Amino acid sequence: LAAVQAHVITYLLFTRETDCTHLERLCRVGHREQGQALATALAETLWA
């Protein structure tokens, strides 16, 4: 979970397209965005 968490945060802070500032990128995450962040994190880890 910790390894996947690192990829989730990386996606939310640096990859996801949003108008929010860096800290807001983490707090203003909805259910759909959580799923997308998790899918991206899992895919990135498996691909690596």
All heavy atoms as atom14 arrays in JSON, in Angstrom:
{
  "sequence": "LAAVQAHVITYLLFTRETDCTHLERLCRVGHREQGQALATALAETLWA",
  "atom14_mask": [
    [1, 1, 1, 1, 1, 1, 1, 1, 0, 0, 0, 0, 0, 0],
    [1, 1, 1, 1, 1, 0, 0, 0, 0, 0, 0, 0, 0, 0],
    [1, 1, 1, 1, 1, 0, 0, 0, 0, 0, 0, 0, 0, 0],
    [1, 1, 1, 1, 1, 1, 1, 0, 0, 0, 0, 0, 0, 0],
    [1, 1, 1, 1, 1, 1, 1, 1, 1, 0, 0, 0, 0, 0],
    [1, 1, 1, 1, 1, 0, 0, 0, 0, 0, 0, 0, 0, 0],
    [1, 1, 1, 1, 1, 1, 1, 1, 1, 1, 0, 0, 0, 0],
    [1, 1, 1, 1, 1, 1, 1, 0, 0, 0, 0, 0, 0, 0],
    [1, 1, 1, 1, 1, 1, 1, 1, 0, 0, 0, 0, 0, 0],
    [1, 1, 1, 1, 1, 1, 1, 0, 0, 0, 0, 0, 0, 0],
    [1, 1, 1, 1, 1, 1, 1, 1, 1, 1, 1, 1, 0, 0],
    [1, 1, 1, 1, 1, 1, 1, 1, 0, 0, 0, 0, 0, 0],
    [1, 1, 1, 1, 1, 1, 1, 1, 0, 0, 0, 0, 0, 0],
    [1, 1, 1, 1, 1, 1, 1, 1, 1, 1, 1, 0, 0, 0],
    [1, 1, 1, 1, 1, 1, 1, 0, 0, 0, 0, 0, 0, 0],
    [1, 1, 1, 1, 1, 1, 1, 1, 1, 1, 1, 0, 0, 0],
    [1, 1, 1, 1, 1, 1, 1, 1, 1, 0, 0, 0, 0, 0],
    [1, 1, 1, 1, 1, 1, 1, 0, 0, 0, 0, 0, 0, 0],
    [1, 1, 1, 1, 1, 1, 1, 1, 0, 0, 0, 0, 0, 0],
    [1, 1, 1, 1, 1, 1, 0, 0, 0, 0, 0, 0, 0, 0],
    [1, 1, 1, 1, 1, 1, 1, 0, 0, 0, 0, 0, 0, 0],
    [1, 1, 1, 1, 1, 1, 1, 1, 1, 1, 0, 0, 0, 0],
    [1, 1, 1, 1, 1, 1, 1, 1, 0, 0, 0, 0, 0, 0],
    [1, 1, 1, 1, 1, 1, 1, 1, 1, 0, 0, 0, 0, 0],
    [1, 1, 1, 1, 1, 1, 1, 1, 1, 1, 1, 0, 0, 0],
    [1, 1, 1, 1, 1, 1, 1, 1, 0, 0, 0, 0, 0, 0],
    [1, 1, 1, 1, 1, 1, 0, 0, 0, 0, 0, 0, 0, 0],
    [1, 1, 1, 1, 1, 1, 1, 1, 1, 1, 1, 0, 0, 0],
    [1, 1, 1, 1, 1, 1, 1, 0, 0, 0, 0, 0, 0, 0],
    [1, 1, 1, 1, 0, 0, 0, 0, 0, 0, 0, 0, 0, 0],
    [1, 1, 1, 1, 1, 1, 1, 1, 1, 1, 0, 0, 0, 0],
    [1, 1, 1, 1, 1, 1, 1, 1, 1, 1, 1, 0, 0, 0],
    [1, 1, 1, 1, 1, 1, 1, 1, 1, 0, 0, 0, 0, 0],
    [1, 1, 1, 1, 1, 1, 1, 1, 1, 0, 0, 0, 0, 0],
    [1, 1, 1, 1, 0, 0, 0, 0, 0, 0, 0, 0, 0, 0],
    [1, 1, 1, 1, 1, 1, 1, 1, 1, 0, 0, 0, 0, 0],
    [1, 1, 1, 1, 1, 0, 0, 0, 0, 0, 0, 0, 0, 0],
    [1, 1, 1, 1, 1, 1, 1, 1, 0, 0, 0, 0, 0, 0],
    [1, 1, 1, 1, 1, 0, 0, 0, 0, 0, 0, 0, 0, 0],
    [1, 1, 1, 1, 1, 1, 1, 0, 0, 0, 0, 0, 0, 0],
    [1, 1, 1, 1, 1, 0, 0, 0, 0, 0, 0, 0, 0, 0],
    [1, 1, 1, 1, 1, 1, 1, 1, 0, 0, 0, 0, 0, 0],
    [1, 1, 1, 1, 1, 0, 0, 0, 0, 0, 0, 0, 0, 0],
    [1, 1, 1, 1, 1, 1, 1, 1, 1, 0, 0, 0, 0, 0],
    [1, 1, 1, 1, 1, 1, 1, 0, 0, 0, 0, 0, 0, 0],
    [1, 1, 1, 1, 1, 1, 1, 1, 0, 0, 0, 0, 0, 0],
    [1, 1, 1, 1, 1, 1, 1, 1, 1, 1, 1, 1, 1, 1],
    [1, 1, 1, 1, 1, 0, 0, 0, 0, 0, 0, 0, 0, 0]
  ],
  "atom14_positions": [
    [[0.83, -1.2, 0.0], [0.0, 0.0, 0.0], [0.87, 1.26, 0.0], [0.55, 2.24, -0.68], [-0.94, 0.0, 1.2], [-2.05, -1.06, 1.16], [-2.76, -1.14, 2.51], [-3.04, -0.76, 0.06], [0.0, 0.0, 0.0], [0.0, 0.0, 0.0], [0.0, 0.0, 0.0], [0.0, 0.0, 0.0], [0.0, 0.0, 0.0], [0.0, 0.0, 0.0]],
    [[1.97, 1.24, 0.74], [2.86, 2.41, 0.79], [3.5, 2.67, -0.57], [3.61, 3.82, -1.0], [3.93, 2.2, 1.86], [0.0, 0.0, 0.0], [0.0, 0.0, 0.0], [0.0, 0.0, 0.0], [0.0, 0.0, 0.0], [0.0, 0.0, 0.0], [0.0, 0.0, 0.0], [0.0, 0.0, 0.0], [0.0, 0.0, 0.0], [0.0, 0.0, 0.0]],
    [[3.91, 1.62, -1.26], [4.51, 1.79, -2.58], [3.5, 2.35, -3.58], [3.82, 3.27, -4.35], [5.06, 0.45, -3.08], [0.0, 0.0, 0.0], [0.0, 0.0, 0.0], [0.0, 0.0, 0.0], [0.0, 0.0, 0.0], [0.0, 0.0, 0.0], [0.0, 0.0, 0.0], [0.0, 0.0, 0.0], [0.0, 0.0, 0.0], [0.0, 0.0, 0.0]],
    [[2.28, 1.85, -3.53], [1.23, 2.36, -4.43], [0.88, 3.79, -4.04], [0.66, 4.64, -4.91], [-0.01, 1.44, -4.41], [-1.17, 2.05, -5.17], [0.36, 0.07, -4.98], [0.0, 0.0, 0.0], [0.0, 0.0, 0.0], [0.0, 0.0, 0.0], [0.0, 0.0, 0.0], [0.0, 0.0, 0.0], [0.0, 0.0, 0.0], [0.0, 0.0, 0.0]],
    [[0.86, 4.08, -2.74], [0.56, 5.44, -2.27], [1.52, 6.45, -2.88], [1.12, 7.55, -3.27], [0.64, 5.5, -0.75], [0.35, 6.87, -0.17], [-1.1, 7.27, -0.33], [-1.97, 6.77, 0.36], [-1.39, 8.17, -1.24], [0.0, 0.0, 0.0], [0.0, 0.0, 0.0], [0.0, 0.0, 0.0], [0.0, 0.0, 0.0], [0.0, 0.0, 0.0]],
    [[2.79, 6.11, -2.97], [3.78, 7.02, -3.56], [3.42, 7.35, -5.01], [3.5, 8.51, -5.44], [5.17, 6.41, -3.48], [0.0, 0.0, 0.0], [0.0, 0.0, 0.0], [0.0, 0.0, 0.0], [0.0, 0.0, 0.0], [0.0, 0.0, 0.0], [0.0, 0.0, 0.0], [0.0, 0.0, 0.0], [0.0, 0.0, 0.0], [0.0, 0.0, 0.0]],
    [[2.98, 6.36, -5.76], [2.59, 6.59, -7.16], [1.29, 7.39, -7.25], [1.12, 8.19, -8.17], [2.45, 5.25, -7.9], [3.77, 4.63, -8.24], [4.5, 5.0, -9.33], [4.48, 3.68, -7.6], [5.62, 4.3, -9.38], [5.62, 3.49, -8.33], [0.0, 0.0, 0.0], [0.0, 0.0, 0.0], [0.0, 0.0, 0.0], [0.0, 0.0, 0.0]],
    [[0.37, 7.18, -6.32], [-0.88, 7.95, -6.29], [-0.56, 9.43, -6.08], [-1.08, 10.3, -6.8], [-1.84, 7.43, -5.19], [-2.96, 8.42, -4.92], [-2.41, 6.07, -5.57], [0.0, 0.0, 0.0], [0.0, 0.0, 0.0], [0.0, 0.0, 0.0], [0.0, 0.0, 0.0], [0.0, 0.0, 0.0], [0.0, 0.0, 0.0], [0.0, 0.0, 0.0]],
    [[0.29, 9.72, -5.11], [0.64, 11.12, -4.83], [1.37, 11.75, -6.02], [1.09, 12.89, -6.39], [1.47, 11.22, -3.54], [0.57, 10.89, -2.34], [2.09, 12.6, -3.38], [1.31, 10.78, -1.02], [0.0, 0.0, 0.0], [0.0, 0.0, 0.0], [0.0, 0.0, 0.0], [0.0, 0.0, 0.0], [0.0, 0.0, 0.0], [0.0, 0.0, 0.0]],
    [[2.28, 10.99, -6.62], [2.99, 11.5, -7.81], [2.01, 11.86, -8.91], [2.11, 12.92, -9.54], [4.0, 10.45, -8.31], [4.95, 10.2, -7.27], [4.73, 10.93, -9.55], [0.0, 0.0, 0.0], [0.0, 0.0, 0.0], [0.0, 0.0, 0.0], [0.0, 0.0, 0.0], [0.0, 0.0, 0.0], [0.0, 0.0, 0.0], [0.0, 0.0, 0.0]],
    [[1.04, 10.97, -9.16], [0.03, 11.24, -10.2], [-0.78, 12.5, -9.86], [-0.96, 13.38, -10.7], [-0.9, 10.04, -10.36], [-2.1, 10.36, -11.21], [-2.01, 10.41, -12.6], [-3.34, 10.63, -10.63], [-3.11, 10.73, -13.38], [-4.44, 10.94, -11.41], [-4.32, 10.99, -12.78], [-5.41, 11.31, -13.54], [0.0, 0.0, 0.0], [0.0, 0.0, 0.0]],
    [[-1.26, 12.58, -8.63], [-2.11, 13.71, -8.25], [-1.36, 15.04, -8.27], [-1.92, 16.07, -8.65], [-2.71, 13.48, -6.86], [-3.74, 12.35, -6.77], [-4.14, 12.1, -5.33], [-4.96, 12.63, -7.63], [0.0, 0.0, 0.0], [0.0, 0.0, 0.0], [0.0, 0.0, 0.0], [0.0, 0.0, 0.0], [0.0, 0.0, 0.0], [0.0, 0.0, 0.0]],
    [[-0.1, 15.03, -7.88], [0.66, 16.28, -7.83], [1.22, 16.72, -9.18], [1.24, 17.91, -9.49], [1.83, 16.15, -6.84], [1.5, 16.24, -5.38], [2.76, 16.02, -4.54], [0.87, 17.58, -5.03], [0.0, 0.0, 0.0], [0.0, 0.0, 0.0], [0.0, 0.0, 0.0], [0.0, 0.0, 0.0], [0.0, 0.0, 0.0], [0.0, 0.0, 0.0]],
    [[1.68, 15.77, -9.99], [2.46, 16.15, -11.16], [1.88, 15.75, -12.51], [2.28, 16.31, -13.52], [3.88, 15.57, -11.04], [4.56, 15.96, -9.77], [4.85, 15.02, -8.81], [4.89, 17.29, -9.53], [5.48, 15.38, -7.63], [5.53, 17.66, -8.36], [5.82, 16.7, -7.4], [0.0, 0.0, 0.0], [0.0, 0.0, 0.0], [0.0, 0.0, 0.0]],
    [[0.96, 14.81, -12.55], [0.46, 14.32, -13.83], [-0.95, 14.79, -14.14], [-1.24, 15.18, -15.27], [0.49, 12.77, -13.85], [1.81, 12.34, -13.48], [0.14, 12.25, -15.22], [0.0, 0.0, 0.0], [0.0, 0.0, 0.0], [0.0, 0.0, 0.0], [0.0, 0.0, 0.0], [0.0, 0.0, 0.0], [0.0, 0.0, 0.0], [0.0, 0.0, 0.0]],
    [[-1.81, 14.76, -13.16], [-3.23, 15.07, -13.35], [-3.42, 16.52, -13.81], [-2.8, 17.44, -13.29], [-3.98, 14.85, -12.03], [-5.46, 15.13, -12.11], [-6.12, 14.75, -10.81], [-5.62, 15.51, -9.7], [-6.39, 16.25, -8.9], [-7.68, 16.29, -9.08], [-5.86, 16.91, -7.91], [0.0, 0.0, 0.0], [0.0, 0.0, 0.0], [0.0, 0.0, 0.0]],
    [[-4.27, 16.69, -14.8], [-4.6, 18.02, -15.31], [-5.65, 18.65, -14.4], [-6.75, 18.13, -14.24], [-5.18, 17.9, -16.73], [-4.24, 17.29, -17.74], [-3.23, 18.28, -18.27], [-3.53, 19.49, -18.26], [-2.15, 17.85, -18.68], [0.0, 0.0, 0.0], [0.0, 0.0, 0.0], [0.0, 0.0, 0.0], [0.0, 0.0, 0.0], [0.0, 0.0, 0.0]],
    [[-5.3, 19.78, -13.79], [-6.22, 20.5, -12.92], [-5.74, 21.93, -12.73], [-4.57, 22.23, -12.95], [-6.36, 19.8, -11.54], [-7.29, 20.52, -10.75], [-5.05, 19.71, -10.82], [0.0, 0.0, 0.0], [0.0, 0.0, 0.0], [0.0, 0.0, 0.0], [0.0, 0.0, 0.0], [0.0, 0.0, 0.0], [0.0, 0.0, 0.0], [0.0, 0.0, 0.0]],
    [[-6.65, 22.8, -12.34], [-6.3, 24.19, -12.09], [-5.9, 24.44, -10.64], [-5.55, 25.55, -10.28], [-7.5, 25.1, -12.42], [-7.82, 25.08, -13.91], [-6.89, 24.85, -14.71], [-8.99, 25.29, -14.27], [0.0, 0.0, 0.0], [0.0, 0.0, 0.0], [0.0, 0.0, 0.0], [0.0, 0.0, 0.0], [0.0, 0.0, 0.0], [0.0, 0.0, 0.0]],
    [[-5.95, 23.42, -9.82], [-5.64, 23.56, -8.4], [-4.14, 23.75, -8.17], [-3.31, 23.3, -8.96], [-6.09, 22.32, -7.63], [-7.86, 22.01, -7.71], [0.0, 0.0, 0.0], [0.0, 0.0, 0.0], [0.0, 0.0, 0.0], [0.0, 0.0, 0.0], [0.0, 0.0, 0.0], [0.0, 0.0, 0.0], [0.0, 0.0, 0.0], [0.0, 0.0, 0.0]],
    [[-3.8, 24.39, -7.05], [-2.39, 24.49, -6.64], [-1.94, 23.12, -6.16], [-2.75, 22.2, -5.99], [-2.22, 25.51, -5.5], [-2.91, 25.02, -4.35], [-2.72, 26.88, -5.9], [0.0, 0.0, 0.0], [0.0, 0.0, 0.0], [0.0, 0.0, 0.0], [0.0, 0.0, 0.0], [0.0, 0.0, 0.0], [0.0, 0.0, 0.0], [0.0, 0.0, 0.0]],
    [[-0.65, 22.97, -5.88], [-0.12, 21.66, -5.49], [-0.83, 21.06, -4.29], [-1.23, 19.91, -4.31], [1.38, 21.73, -5.24], [2.18, 21.65, -6.49], [1.79, 20.96, -7.6], [3.38, 22.19, -6.8], [2.68, 21.05, -8.54], [3.67, 21.81, -8.09], [0.0, 0.0, 0.0], [0.0, 0.0, 0.0], [0.0, 0.0, 0.0], [0.0, 0.0, 0.0]],
    [[-1.0, 21.82, -3.22], [-1.65, 21.26, -2.04], [-3.13, 21.0, -2.28], [-3.68, 20.02, -1.79], [-1.44, 22.16, -0.83], [0.0, 22.23, -0.33], [0.11, 23.19, 0.84], [0.52, 20.86, 0.04], [0.0, 0.0, 0.0], [0.0, 0.0, 0.0], [0.0, 0.0, 0.0], [0.0, 0.0, 0.0], [0.0, 0.0, 0.0], [0.0, 0.0, 0.0]],
    [[-3.78, 21.87, -3.02], [-5.19, 21.65, -3.35], [-5.37, 20.4, -4.2], [-6.41, 19.75, -4.14], [-5.76, 22.86, -4.09], [-5.94, 24.08, -3.23], [-6.38, 25.29, -4.06], [-6.06, 25.35, -5.27], [-7.04, 26.17, -3.49], [0.0, 0.0, 0.0], [0.0, 0.0, 0.0], [0.0, 0.0, 0.0], [0.0, 0.0, 0.0], [0.0, 0.0, 0.0]],
    [[-4.37, 20.05, -5.0], [-4.44, 18.86, -5.85], [-4.65, 17.6, -5.02], [-5.24, 16.64, -5.46], [-3.15, 18.7, -6.66], [-3.01, 19.67, -7.77], [-1.62, 19.55, -8.4], [-1.56, 20.35, -9.59], [-1.49, 19.85, -10.8], [-1.44, 18.56, -10.99], [-1.45, 20.64, -11.86], [0.0, 0.0, 0.0], [0.0, 0.0, 0.0], [0.0, 0.0, 0.0]],
    [[-4.15, 17.62, -3.79], [-4.28, 16.45, -2.93], [-5.6, 16.44, -2.17], [-6.17, 15.38, -1.93], [-3.11, 16.38, -1.95], [-1.74, 16.14, -2.55], [-0.67, 16.17, -1.47], [-1.69, 14.83, -3.3], [0.0, 0.0, 0.0], [0.0, 0.0, 0.0], [0.0, 0.0, 0.0], [0.0, 0.0, 0.0], [0.0, 0.0, 0.0], [0.0, 0.0, 0.0]],
    [[-6.07, 17.59, -1.75], [-7.27, 17.66, -0.9], [-8.57, 17.63, -1.69], [-9.57, 17.13, -1.19], [-7.22, 18.93, -0.05], [-5.81, 18.98, 1.05], [0.0, 0.0, 0.0], [0.0, 0.0, 0.0], [0.0, 0.0, 0.0], [0.0, 0.0, 0.0], [0.0, 0.0, 0.0], [0.0, 0.0, 0.0], [0.0, 0.0, 0.0], [0.0, 0.0, 0.0]],
    [[-8.57, 18.18, -2.86], [-9.82, 18.27, -3.62], [-9.95, 17.11, -4.61], [-10.12, 17.32, -5.81], [-9.87, 19.6, -4.36], [-9.9, 20.75, -3.39], [-10.1, 22.03, -4.1], [-10.04, 23.13, -3.13], [-10.27, 24.36, -3.43], [-10.56, 24.7, -4.66], [-10.21, 25.28, -2.5], [0.0, 0.0, 0.0], [0.0, 0.0, 0.0], [0.0, 0.0, 0.0]],
    [[-9.86, 15.91, -4.09], [-9.93, 14.71, -4.9], [-11.27, 14.03, -4.66], [-11.62, 13.72, -3.53], [-8.77, 13.74, -4.56], [-8.86, 12.48, -5.38], [-7.44, 14.43, -4.77], [0.0, 0.0, 0.0], [0.0, 0.0, 0.0], [0.0, 0.0, 0.0], [0.0, 0.0, 0.0], [0.0, 0.0, 0.0], [0.0, 0.0, 0.0], [0.0, 0.0, 0.0]],
    [[-12.01, 13.84, -5.74], [-13.3, 13.17, -5.65], [-13.17, 11.67, -5.85], [-12.09, 11.14, -6.11], [0.0, 0.0, 0.0], [0.0, 0.0, 0.0], [0.0, 0.0, 0.0], [0.0, 0.0, 0.0], [0.0, 0.0, 0.0], [0.0, 0.0, 0.0], [0.0, 0.0, 0.0], [0.0, 0.0, 0.0], [0.0, 0.0, 0.0], [0.0, 0.0, 0.0]],
    [[-14.29, 10.98, -5.75], [-14.32, 9.52, -5.87], [-13.77, 9.06, -7.23], [-12.97, 8.14, -7.3], [-15.76, 9.03, -5.66], [-15.89, 7.55, -5.69], [-15.44, 6.75, -4.66], [-16.39, 6.72, -6.63], [-15.68, 5.5, -4.97], [-16.25, 5.45, -6.15], [0.0, 0.0, 0.0], [0.0, 0.0, 0.0], [0.0, 0.0, 0.0], [0.0, 0.0, 0.0]],
    [[-14.2, 9.7, -8.3], [-13.74, 9.32, -9.65], [-12.24, 9.56, -9.79], [-11.51, 8.73, -10.35], [-14.51, 10.11, -10.71], [-14.22, 9.68, -12.14], [-14.93, 10.54, -13.17], [-14.5, 11.93, -13.17], [-13.35, 12.37, -13.68], [-12.5, 11.53, -14.2], [-13.03, 13.64, -13.64], [0.0, 0.0, 0.0], [0.0, 0.0, 0.0], [0.0, 0.0, 0.0]],
    [[-11.76, 10.68, -9.25], [-10.33, 10.99, -9.34], [-9.5, 10.02, -8.5], [-8.37, 9.69, -8.88], [-10.09, 12.43, -8.89], [-10.69, 13.45, -9.84], [-10.73, 14.83, -9.23], [-11.17, 14.96, -8.07], [-10.32, 15.77, -9.92], [0.0, 0.0, 0.0], [0.0, 0.0, 0.0], [0.0, 0.0, 0.0], [0.0, 0.0, 0.0], [0.0, 0.0, 0.0]],
    [[-10.04, 9.57, -7.4], [-9.35, 8.56, -6.6], [-9.16, 7.28, -7.42], [-8.07, 6.7, -7.43], [-10.12, 8.25, -5.32], [-10.08, 9.34, -4.29], [-10.97, 9.03, -3.09], [-11.97, 8.3, -3.2], [-10.62, 9.6, -1.94], [0.0, 0.0, 0.0], [0.0, 0.0, 0.0], [0.0, 0.0, 0.0], [0.0, 0.0, 0.0], [0.0, 0.0, 0.0]],
    [[-10.22, 6.86, -8.09], [-10.14, 5.66, -8.92], [-9.14, 5.82, -10.05], [-8.37, 4.9, -10.35], [0.0, 0.0, 0.0], [0.0, 0.0, 0.0], [0.0, 0.0, 0.0], [0.0, 0.0, 0.0], [0.0, 0.0, 0.0], [0.0, 0.0, 0.0], [0.0, 0.0, 0.0], [0.0, 0.0, 0.0], [0.0, 0.0, 0.0], [0.0, 0.0, 0.0]],
    [[-9.13, 6.98, -10.69], [-8.19, 7.23, -11.78], [-6.76, 7.26, -11.26], [-5.85, 6.72, -11.9], [-8.51, 8.55, -12.48], [-7.67, 8.79, -13.72], [-7.84, 7.7, -14.76], [-8.94, 7.22, -15.01], [-6.75, 7.28, -15.36], [0.0, 0.0, 0.0], [0.0, 0.0, 0.0], [0.0, 0.0, 0.0], [0.0, 0.0, 0.0], [0.0, 0.0, 0.0]],
    [[-6.53, 7.86, -10.11], [-5.19, 7.9, -9.51], [-4.72, 6.49, -9.17], [-3.56, 6.14, -9.42], [-5.19, 8.78, -8.26], [0.0, 0.0, 0.0], [0.0, 0.0, 0.0], [0.0, 0.0, 0.0], [0.0, 0.0, 0.0], [0.0, 0.0, 0.0], [0.0, 0.0, 0.0], [0.0, 0.0, 0.0], [0.0, 0.0, 0.0], [0.0, 0.0, 0.0]],
    [[-5.62, 5.67, -8.64], [-5.25, 4.31, -8.3], [-4.94, 3.5, -9.55], [-3.94, 2.78, -9.6], [-6.35, 3.64, -7.48], [-6.08, 2.2, -7.05], [-4.81, 2.1, -6.2], [-7.28, 1.64, -6.3], [0.0, 0.0, 0.0], [0.0, 0.0, 0.0], [0.0, 0.0, 0.0], [0.0, 0.0, 0.0], [0.0, 0.0, 0.0], [0.0, 0.0, 0.0]],
    [[-5.78, 3.62, -10.57], [-5.55, 2.89, -11.82], [-4.21, 3.27, -12.43], [-3.44, 2.41, -12.9], [-6.68, 3.15, -12.81], [0.0, 0.0, 0.0], [0.0, 0.0, 0.0], [0.0, 0.0, 0.0], [0.0, 0.0, 0.0], [0.0, 0.0, 0.0], [0.0, 0.0, 0.0], [0.0, 0.0, 0.0], [0.0, 0.0, 0.0], [0.0, 0.0, 0.0]],
    [[-3.9, 4.55, -12.43], [-2.62, 5.02, -12.97], [-1.46, 4.49, -12.15], [-0.46, 4.01, -12.7], [-2.59, 6.56, -13.01], [-3.67, 7.02, -13.82], [-1.28, 7.08, -13.58], [0.0, 0.0, 0.0], [0.0, 0.0, 0.0], [0.0, 0.0, 0.0], [0.0, 0.0, 0.0], [0.0, 0.0, 0.0], [0.0, 0.0, 0.0], [0.0, 0.0, 0.0]],
    [[-1.59, 4.54, -10.83], [-0.51, 4.06, -9.95], [-0.27, 2.56, -10.14], [0.88, 2.12, -10.23], [-0.86, 4.36, -8.49], [0.0, 0.0, 0.0], [0.0, 0.0, 0.0], [0.0, 0.0, 0.0], [0.0, 0.0, 0.0], [0.0, 0.0, 0.0], [0.0, 0.0, 0.0], [0.0, 0.0, 0.0], [0.0, 0.0, 0.0], [0.0, 0.0, 0.0]],
    [[-1.33, 1.78, -10.22], [-1.18, 0.34, -10.42], [-0.55, 0.04, -11.77], [0.37, -0.78, -11.87], [-2.54, -0.36, -10.28], [-3.23, -0.28, -8.92], [-4.56, -1.02, -8.95], [-2.34, -0.8, -7.81], [0.0, 0.0, 0.0], [0.0, 0.0, 0.0], [0.0, 0.0, 0.0], [0.0, 0.0, 0.0], [0.0, 0.0, 0.0], [0.0, 0.0, 0.0]],
    [[-1.02, 0.72, -12.82], [-0.48, 0.49, -14.16], [0.99, 0.88, -14.24], [1.81, 0.15, -14.82], [-1.3, 1.25, -15.2], [0.0, 0.0, 0.0], [0.0, 0.0, 0.0], [0.0, 0.0, 0.0], [0.0, 0.0, 0.0], [0.0, 0.0, 0.0], [0.0, 0.0, 0.0], [0.0, 0.0, 0.0], [0.0, 0.0, 0.0], [0.0, 0.0, 0.0]],
    [[1.35, 2.02, -13.67], [2.75, 2.47, -13.67], [3.64, 1.44, -12.97], [4.73, 1.12, -13.46], [2.88, 3.82, -12.96], [2.33, 4.99, -13.72], [3.23, 5.44, -14.87], [4.44, 5.14, -14.84], [2.71, 6.06, -15.79], [0.0, 0.0, 0.0], [0.0, 0.0, 0.0], [0.0, 0.0, 0.0], [0.0, 0.0, 0.0], [0.0, 0.0, 0.0]],
    [[3.2, 0.94, -11.85], [3.99, -0.01, -11.08], [4.14, -1.33, -11.83], [5.24, -1.89, -11.91], [3.36, -0.25, -9.7], [3.16, 1.02, -9.06], [4.24, -1.11, -8.83], [0.0, 0.0, 0.0], [0.0, 0.0, 0.0], [0.0, 0.0, 0.0], [0.0, 0.0, 0.0], [0.0, 0.0, 0.0], [0.0, 0.0, 0.0], [0.0, 0.0, 0.0]],
    [[3.05, -1.82, -12.41], [3.12, -3.07, -13.16], [3.99, -2.93, -14.4], [4.73, -3.85, -14.76], [1.71, -3.54, -13.53], [0.81, -3.93, -12.37], [-0.59, -4.29, -12.87], [1.41, -5.08, -11.57], [0.0, 0.0, 0.0], [0.0, 0.0, 0.0], [0.0, 0.0, 0.0], [0.0, 0.0, 0.0], [0.0, 0.0, 0.0], [0.0, 0.0, 0.0]],
    [[3.88, -1.78, -15.08], [4.67, -1.54, -16.28], [6.16, -1.51, -15.92], [6.99, -2.08, -16.63], [4.23, -0.26, -16.95], [4.8, -0.09, -18.31], [5.8, 0.75, -18.7], [4.43, -0.81, -19.49], [6.05, 0.6, -20.04], [5.22, -0.34, -20.55], [3.47, -1.8, -19.74], [5.12, -0.83, -21.84], [3.37, -2.29, -21.04], [4.18, -1.81, -22.07]],
    [[6.5, -0.87, -14.83], [7.9, -0.82, -14.39], [8.39, -2.23, -14.02], [9.52, -2.6, -14.34], [8.05, 0.13, -13.22], [0.0, 0.0, 0.0], [0.0, 0.0, 0.0], [0.0, 0.0, 0.0], [0.0, 0.0, 0.0], [0.0, 0.0, 0.0], [0.0, 0.0, 0.0], [0.0, 0.0, 0.0], [0.0, 0.0, 0.0], [0.0, 0.0, 0.0]]
  ]
}
